[in-house]
Amino acid sequence: MQDNSTLSVYEAADWGAKLSGAAQVHKNAQGTLVIDQVLVETIQVIGQFSVLNCADGRARVVLTSFLRLVGGPSQ
């Protein structure tokens, strides 16, 4: 079982950027970050934001402070 966190997703990594929605985020059993059931391949930190570059070719922008709170599978 996994513990999902819901994070706000922004249109850009800039203060004042509009919200584009929300996403379910967790770490899988291997410790890999997953957002809306898509593996995160790389993370780029830009100021207070993290850009999650995903296996589907899309990037999602979230606040780094909330991303740090994302947990892994329940024991």
PDB file of N, CA and C in Angstrom:
ATOM      1  N   MET A   1       0.845  -1.187   0.000  1.00  0.00           N
ATOM      2  CA  MET A   1       0.000   0.000   0.000  1.00  0.00           C
ATOM      3  C   MET A   1       0.882   1.238   0.000  1.00  0.00           C
ATOM      4  N   GLN A   2       0.421   2.302  -0.636  1.00  0.00           N
ATOM      5  CA  GLN A   2       1.184   3.534  -0.727  1.00  0.00           C
ATOM      6  C   GLN A   2       0.402   4.679  -0.124  1.00  0.00           C
ATOM      7  N   ASP A   3       1.142   5.651   0.382  1.00  0.00           N
ATOM      8  CA  ASP A   3       0.529   6.859   0.911  1.00  0.00           C
ATOM      9  C   ASP A   3       0.635   7.942  -0.147  1.00  0.00           C
ATOM     10  N   ASN A   4      -0.508   8.325  -0.714  1.00  0.00           N
ATOM     11  CA  ASN A   4      -0.519   9.389  -1.717  1.00  0.00           C
ATOM     12  C   ASN A   4      -0.639  10.741  -1.035  1.00  0.00           C
ATOM     13  N   SER A   5       0.053  11.708  -1.588  1.00  0.00           N
ATOM     14  CA  SER A   5      -0.089  13.098  -1.188  1.00  0.00           C
ATOM     15  C   SER A   5      -0.668  13.842  -2.378  1.00  0.00           C
ATOM     16  N   THR A   6      -1.512  14.800  -2.112  1.00  0.00           N
ATOM     17  CA  THR A   6      -2.052  15.636  -3.178  1.00  0.00           C
ATOM     18  C   THR A   6      -1.288  16.947  -3.171  1.00  0.00           C
ATOM     19  N   LEU A   7      -0.644  17.259  -4.305  1.00  0.00           N
ATOM     20  CA  LEU A   7       0.113  18.498  -4.438  1.00  0.00           C
ATOM     21  C   LEU A   7      -0.495  19.368  -5.522  1.00  0.00           C
ATOM     22  N   SER A   8      -0.445  20.665  -5.309  1.00  0.00           N
ATOM     23  CA  SER A   8      -0.860  21.611  -6.346  1.00  0.00           C
ATOM     24  C   SER A   8       0.198  21.627  -7.438  1.00  0.00           C
ATOM     25  N   VAL A   9      -0.258  21.710  -8.687  1.00  0.00           N
ATOM     26  CA  VAL A   9       0.635  21.777  -9.842  1.00  0.00           C
ATOM     27  C   VAL A   9       0.471  23.157 -10.472  1.00  0.00           C
ATOM     28  N   TYR A  10       1.601  23.784 -10.775  1.00  0.00           N
ATOM     29  CA  TYR A  10       1.601  25.139 -11.308  1.00  0.00           C
ATOM     30  C   TYR A  10       1.960  25.138 -12.789  1.00  0.00           C
ATOM     31  N   GLU A  11       1.572  26.205 -13.491  1.00  0.00           N
ATOM     32  CA  GLU A  11       1.863  26.333 -14.920  1.00  0.00           C
ATOM     33  C   GLU A  11       3.325  26.638 -15.192  1.00  0.00           C
ATOM     34  N   ALA A  12       4.006  27.258 -14.219  1.00  0.00           N
ATOM     35  CA  ALA A  12       5.407  27.629 -14.384  1.00  0.00           C
ATOM     36  C   ALA A  12       6.076  27.678 -13.017  1.00  0.00           C
ATOM     37  N   ALA A  13       7.397  27.696 -13.011  1.00  0.00           N
ATOM     38  CA  ALA A  13       8.164  27.756 -11.764  1.00  0.00           C
ATOM     39  C   ALA A  13       8.442  29.213 -11.402  1.00  0.00           C
ATOM     40  N   ASP A  14       7.380  29.991 -11.272  1.00  0.00           N
ATOM     41  CA  ASP A  14       7.481  31.410 -10.950  1.00  0.00           C
ATOM     42  C   ASP A  14       6.423  31.773  -9.924  1.00  0.00           C
ATOM     43  N   TRP A  15       6.812  32.650  -8.959  1.00  0.00           N
ATOM     44  CA  TRP A  15       5.806  33.159  -8.041  1.00  0.00           C
ATOM     45  C   TRP A  15       4.753  33.894  -8.837  1.00  0.00           C
ATOM     46  N   GLY A  16       3.516  33.660  -8.514  1.00  0.00           N
ATOM     47  CA  GLY A  16       2.411  34.268  -9.235  1.00  0.00           C
ATOM     48  C   GLY A  16       1.890  33.404 -10.369  1.00  0.00           C
ATOM     49  N   ALA A  17       2.565  32.276 -10.624  1.00  0.00           N
ATOM     50  CA  ALA A  17       2.090  31.368 -11.679  1.00  0.00           C
ATOM     51  C   ALA A  17       0.731  30.808 -11.282  1.00  0.00           C
ATOM     52  N   LYS A  18      -0.098  30.588 -12.271  1.00  0.00           N
ATOM     53  CA  LYS A  18      -1.431  30.035 -12.026  1.00  0.00           C
ATOM     54  C   LYS A  18      -1.346  28.548 -11.727  1.00  0.00           C
ATOM     55  N   LEU A  19      -2.301  28.103 -10.920  1.00  0.00           N
ATOM     56  CA  LEU A  19      -2.442  26.668 -10.669  1.00  0.00           C
ATOM     57  C   LEU A  19      -2.991  26.008 -11.921  1.00  0.00           C
ATOM     58  N   SER A  20      -2.446  24.863 -12.268  1.00  0.00           N
ATOM     59  CA  SER A  20      -2.995  24.126 -13.403  1.00  0.00           C
ATOM     60  C   SER A  20      -3.773  22.907 -12.935  1.00  0.00           C
ATOM     61  N   GLY A  21      -3.743  22.643 -11.625  1.00  0.00           N
ATOM     62  CA  GLY A  21      -4.493  21.521 -11.088  1.00  0.00           C
ATOM     63  C   GLY A  21      -3.815  20.928  -9.874  1.00  0.00           C
ATOM     64  N   ALA A  22      -4.159  19.678  -9.605  1.00  0.00           N
ATOM     65  CA  ALA A  22      -3.581  18.949  -8.479  1.00  0.00           C
ATOM     66  C   ALA A  22      -3.184  17.566  -8.968  1.00  0.00           C
ATOM     67  N   ALA A  23      -2.240  16.947  -8.255  1.00  0.00           N
ATOM     68  CA  ALA A  23      -1.763  15.627  -8.659  1.00  0.00           C
ATOM     69  C   ALA A  23      -1.532  14.762  -7.428  1.00  0.00           C
ATOM     70  N   GLN A  24      -1.687  13.464  -7.609  1.00  0.00           N
ATOM     71  CA  GLN A  24      -1.390  12.488  -6.575  1.00  0.00           C
ATOM     72  C   GLN A  24       0.079  12.092  -6.716  1.00  0.00           C
ATOM     73  N   VAL A  25       0.826  12.195  -5.626  1.00  0.00           N
ATOM     74  CA  VAL A  25       2.255  11.928  -5.648  1.00  0.00           C
ATOM     75  C   VAL A  25       2.611  10.950  -4.533  1.00  0.00           C
ATOM     76  N   HIS A  26       3.500  10.000  -4.838  1.00  0.00           N
ATOM     77  CA  HIS A  26       4.021   9.077  -3.827  1.00  0.00           C
ATOM     78  C   HIS A  26       5.369   8.539  -4.290  1.00  0.00           C
ATOM     79  N   LYS A  27       6.039   7.840  -3.392  1.00  0.00           N
ATOM     80  CA  LYS A  27       7.250   7.106  -3.758  1.00  0.00           C
ATOM     81  C   LYS A  27       6.876   5.637  -3.801  1.00  0.00           C
ATOM     82  N   ASN A  28       7.305   4.946  -4.871  1.00  0.00           N
ATOM     83  CA  ASN A  28       6.979   3.529  -4.995  1.00  0.00           C
ATOM     84  C   ASN A  28       7.916   2.687  -4.129  1.00  0.00           C
ATOM     85  N   ALA A  29       7.782   1.382  -4.206  1.00  0.00           N
ATOM     86  CA  ALA A  29       8.569   0.474  -3.368  1.00  0.00           C
ATOM     87  C   ALA A  29      10.071   0.614  -3.609  1.00  0.00           C
ATOM     88  N   GLN A  30      10.453   1.084  -4.783  1.00  0.00           N
ATOM     89  CA  GLN A  30      11.870   1.281  -5.104  1.00  0.00           C
ATOM     90  C   GLN A  30      12.360   2.673  -4.689  1.00  0.00           C
ATOM     91  N   GLY A  31      11.476   3.500  -4.151  1.00  0.00           N
ATOM     92  CA  GLY A  31      11.840   4.837  -3.728  1.00  0.00           C
ATOM     93  C   GLY A  31      11.773   5.867  -4.831  1.00  0.00           C
ATOM     94  N   THR A  32      11.232   5.475  -5.992  1.00  0.00           N
ATOM     95  CA  THR A  32      11.101   6.383  -7.128  1.00  0.00           C
ATOM     96  C   THR A  32       9.834   7.209  -6.973  1.00  0.00           C
ATOM     97  N   LEU A  33       9.937   8.479  -7.257  1.00  0.00           N
ATOM     98  CA  LEU A  33       8.791   9.367  -7.179  1.00  0.00           C
ATOM     99  C   LEU A  33       7.841   9.095  -8.343  1.00  0.00           C
ATOM    100  N   VAL A  34       6.538   9.071  -8.049  1.00  0.00           N
ATOM    101  CA  VAL A  34       5.496   8.824  -9.041  1.00  0.00           C
ATOM    102  C   VAL A  34       4.443   9.915  -8.892  1.00  0.00           C
ATOM    103  N   ILE A  35       4.054  10.535 -10.017  1.00  0.00           N
ATOM    104  CA  ILE A  35       3.023  11.567  -9.991  1.00  0.00           C
ATOM    105  C   ILE A  35       1.924  11.172 -10.967  1.00  0.00           C
ATOM    106  N   ASP A  36       0.712  11.087 -10.479  1.00  0.00           N
ATOM    107  CA  ASP A  36      -0.438  10.647 -11.281  1.00  0.00           C
ATOM    108  C   ASP A  36      -0.102   9.378 -12.072  1.00  0.00           C
ATOM    109  N   GLN A  37       0.507   8.427 -11.396  1.00  0.00           N
ATOM    110  CA  GLN A  37       0.845   7.100 -11.916  1.00  0.00           C
ATOM    111  C   GLN A  37       1.918   7.116 -13.004  1.00  0.00           C
ATOM    112  N   VAL A  38       2.689   8.214 -13.097  1.00  0.00           N
ATOM    113  CA  VAL A  38       3.765   8.335 -14.078  1.00  0.00           C
ATOM    114  C   VAL A  38       5.083   8.496 -13.313  1.00  0.00           C
ATOM    115  N   LEU A  39       6.093   7.720 -13.693  1.00  0.00           N
ATOM    116  CA  LEU A  39       7.392   7.816 -13.030  1.00  0.00           C
ATOM    117  C   LEU A  39       8.060   9.157 -13.304  1.00  0.00           C
ATOM    118  N   VAL A  40       8.685   9.710 -12.277  1.00  0.00           N
ATOM    119  CA  VAL A  40       9.460  10.936 -12.408  1.00  0.00           C
ATOM    120  C   VAL A  40      10.891  10.528 -12.735  1.00  0.00           C
ATOM    121  N   GLU A  41      11.415  11.047 -13.835  1.00  0.00           N
ATOM    122  CA  GLU A  41      12.770  10.687 -14.262  1.00  0.00           C
ATOM    123  C   GLU A  41      13.827  11.612 -13.679  1.00  0.00           C
ATOM    124  N   THR A  42      13.553  12.908 -13.640  1.00  0.00           N
ATOM    125  CA  THR A  42      14.491  13.869 -13.070  1.00  0.00           C
ATOM    126  C   THR A  42      13.714  14.968 -12.361  1.00  0.00           C
ATOM    127  N   ILE A  43      14.405  15.616 -11.435  1.00  0.00           N
ATOM    128  CA  ILE A  43      13.824  16.748 -10.709  1.00  0.00           C
ATOM    129  C   ILE A  43      14.790  17.913 -10.827  1.00  0.00           C
ATOM    130  N   GLN A  44      14.262  19.053 -11.268  1.00  0.00           N
ATOM    131  CA  GLN A  44      15.056  20.273 -11.380  1.00  0.00           C
ATOM    132  C   GLN A  44      14.482  21.288 -10.403  1.00  0.00           C
ATOM    133  N   VAL A  45      15.304  21.747  -9.472  1.00  0.00           N
ATOM    134  CA  VAL A  45      14.851  22.732  -8.496  1.00  0.00           C
ATOM    135  C   VAL A  45      15.147  24.125  -9.037  1.00  0.00           C
ATOM    136  N   ILE A  46      14.097  24.955  -9.063  1.00  0.00           N
ATOM    137  CA  ILE A  46      14.205  26.343  -9.515  1.00  0.00           C
ATOM    138  C   ILE A  46      13.584  27.210  -8.420  1.00  0.00           C
ATOM    139  N   GLY A  47      14.417  27.848  -7.635  1.00  0.00           N
ATOM    140  CA  GLY A  47      13.911  28.648  -6.527  1.00  0.00           C
ATOM    141  C   GLY A  47      13.128  27.783  -5.561  1.00  0.00           C
ATOM    142  N   GLN A  48      11.886  28.161  -5.307  1.00  0.00           N
ATOM    143  CA  GLN A  48      11.025  27.426  -4.377  1.00  0.00           C
ATOM    144  C   GLN A  48      10.233  26.302  -5.049  1.00  0.00           C
ATOM    145  N   PHE A  49      10.466  26.099  -6.332  1.00  0.00           N
ATOM    146  CA  PHE A  49       9.705  25.119  -7.100  1.00  0.00           C
ATOM    147  C   PHE A  49      10.577  23.939  -7.518  1.00  0.00           C
ATOM    148  N   SER A  50       9.938  22.805  -7.734  1.00  0.00           N
ATOM    149  CA  SER A  50      10.581  21.632  -8.320  1.00  0.00           C
ATOM    150  C   SER A  50       9.851  21.296  -9.605  1.00  0.00           C
ATOM    151  N   VAL A  51      10.622  21.125 -10.672  1.00  0.00           N
ATOM    152  CA  VAL A  51      10.067  20.716 -11.959  1.00  0.00           C
ATOM    153  C   VAL A  51      10.302  19.217 -12.074  1.00  0.00           C
ATOM    154  N   LEU A  52       9.214  18.455 -12.106  1.00  0.00           N
ATOM    155  CA  LEU A  52       9.284  17.002 -12.199  1.00  0.00           C
ATOM    156  C   LEU A  52       9.182  16.610 -13.663  1.00  0.00           C
ATOM    157  N   ASN A  53      10.281  16.125 -14.224  1.00  0.00           N
ATOM    158  CA  ASN A  53      10.308  15.683 -15.618  1.00  0.00           C
ATOM    159  C   ASN A  53       9.952  14.201 -15.629  1.00  0.00           C
ATOM    160  N   CYS A  54       8.864  13.870 -16.295  1.00  0.00           N
ATOM    161  CA  CYS A  54       8.263  12.547 -16.177  1.00  0.00           C
ATOM    162  C   CYS A  54       8.483  11.671 -17.406  1.00  0.00           C
ATOM    163  N   ALA A  55       8.278  10.374 -17.214  1.00  0.00           N
ATOM    164  CA  ALA A  55       8.482   9.380 -18.264  1.00  0.00           C
ATOM    165  C   ALA A  55       7.546   9.578 -19.446  1.00  0.00           C
ATOM    166  N   ASP A  56       6.440  10.290 -19.251  1.00  0.00           N
ATOM    167  CA  ASP A  56       5.504  10.537 -20.353  1.00  0.00           C
ATOM    168  C   ASP A  56       5.882  11.769 -21.181  1.00  0.00           C
ATOM    169  N   GLY A  57       7.056  12.373 -20.873  1.00  0.00           N
ATOM    170  CA  GLY A  57       7.511  13.532 -21.618  1.00  0.00           C
ATOM    171  C   GLY A  57       6.991  14.857 -21.102  1.00  0.00           C
ATOM    172  N   ARG A  58       6.120  14.815 -20.113  1.00  0.00           N
ATOM    173  CA  ARG A  58       5.565  16.044 -19.545  1.00  0.00           C
ATOM    174  C   ARG A  58       6.363  16.468 -18.322  1.00  0.00           C
ATOM    175  N   ALA A  59       6.277  17.732 -18.002  1.00  0.00           N
ATOM    176  CA  ALA A  59       6.881  18.267 -16.779  1.00  0.00           C
ATOM    177  C   ALA A  59       5.766  18.818 -15.904  1.00  0.00           C
ATOM    178  N   ARG A  60       5.868  18.549 -14.621  1.00  0.00           N
ATOM    179  CA  ARG A  60       4.912  19.093 -13.660  1.00  0.00           C
ATOM    180  C   ARG A  60       5.688  19.949 -12.675  1.00  0.00           C
ATOM    181  N   VAL A  61       5.148  21.102 -12.316  1.00  0.00           N
ATOM    182  CA  VAL A  61       5.802  22.038 -11.403  1.00  0.00           C
ATOM    183  C   VAL A  61       5.053  22.036 -10.080  1.00  0.00           C
ATOM    184  N   VAL A  62       5.784  21.765  -9.004  1.00  0.00           N
ATOM    185  CA  VAL A  62       5.202  21.736  -7.665  1.00  0.00           C
ATOM    186  C   VAL A  62       6.101  22.536  -6.729  1.00  0.00           C
ATOM    187  N   LEU A  63       5.586  22.877  -5.559  1.00  0.00           N
ATOM    188  CA  LEU A  63       6.402  23.548  -4.559  1.00  0.00           C
ATOM    189  C   LEU A  63       7.330  22.530  -3.890  1.00  0.00           C
ATOM    190  N   THR A  64       8.599  22.856  -3.832  1.00  0.00           N
ATOM    191  CA  THR A  64       9.597  21.947  -3.262  1.00  0.00           C
ATOM    192  C   THR A  64       9.294  21.626  -1.805  1.00  0.00           C
ATOM    193  N   SER A  65       8.845  22.599  -1.044  1.00  0.00           N
ATOM    194  CA  SER A  65       8.584  22.373   0.382  1.00  0.00           C
ATOM    195  C   SER A  65       7.530  21.296   0.595  1.00  0.00           C
ATOM    196  N   PHE A  66       6.534  21.209  -0.276  1.00  0.00           N
ATOM    197  CA  PHE A  66       5.512  20.173  -0.148  1.00  0.00           C
ATOM    198  C   PHE A  66       5.997  18.847  -0.738  1.00  0.00           C
ATOM    199  N   LEU A  67       6.821  18.902  -1.773  1.00  0.00           N
ATOM    200  CA  LEU A  67       7.359  17.687  -2.349  1.00  0.00           C
ATOM    201  C   LEU A  67       8.198  16.930  -1.329  1.00  0.00           C
ATOM    202  N   ARG A  68       8.903  17.631  -0.488  1.00  0.00           N
ATOM    203  CA  ARG A  68       9.739  16.998   0.541  1.00  0.00           C
ATOM    204  C   ARG A  68       8.921  16.181   1.539  1.00  0.00           C
ATOM    205  N   LEU A  69       7.642  16.460   1.643  1.00  0.00           N
ATOM    206  CA  LEU A  69       6.777  15.758   2.598  1.00  0.00           C
ATOM    207  C   LEU A  69       6.210  14.457   2.045  1.00  0.00           C
ATOM    208  N   VAL A  70       6.439  14.181   0.774  1.00  0.00           N
ATOM    209  CA  VAL A  70       5.878  12.986   0.134  1.00  0.00           C
ATOM    210  C   VAL A  70       6.565  11.743   0.689  1.00  0.00           C
ATOM    211  N   GLY A  71       5.750  10.810   1.140  1.00  0.00           N
ATOM    212  CA  GLY A  71       6.283   9.588   1.746  1.00  0.00           C
ATOM    213  C   GLY A  71       6.298   8.419   0.798  1.00  0.00           C
ATOM    214  N   GLY A  72       6.851   7.345   1.285  1.00  0.00           N
ATOM    215  CA  GLY A  72       6.934   6.105   0.519  1.00  0.00           C
ATOM    216  C   GLY A  72       5.836   5.146   0.907  1.00  0.00           C
ATOM    217  N   PRO A  73       5.975   3.892   0.497  1.00  0.00           N
ATOM    218  CA  PRO A  73       4.957   2.875   0.790  1.00  0.00           C
ATOM    219  C   PRO A  73       4.767   2.677   2.286  1.00  0.00           C
ATOM    220  N   SER A  74       3.560   2.377   2.682  1.00  0.00           N
ATOM    221  CA  SER A  74       3.275   2.060   4.081  1.00  0.00           C
ATOM    222  C   SER A  74       3.889   0.728   4.431  1.00  0.00           C
ATOM    223  N   GLN A  75       4.343   0.617   5.624  1.00  0.00           N
ATOM    224  CA  GLN A  75       4.942  -0.642   6.081  1.00  0.00           C
ATOM    225  C   GLN A  75       3.878  -1.527   6.696  1.00  0.00           C
TER     226      GLN A  75
END
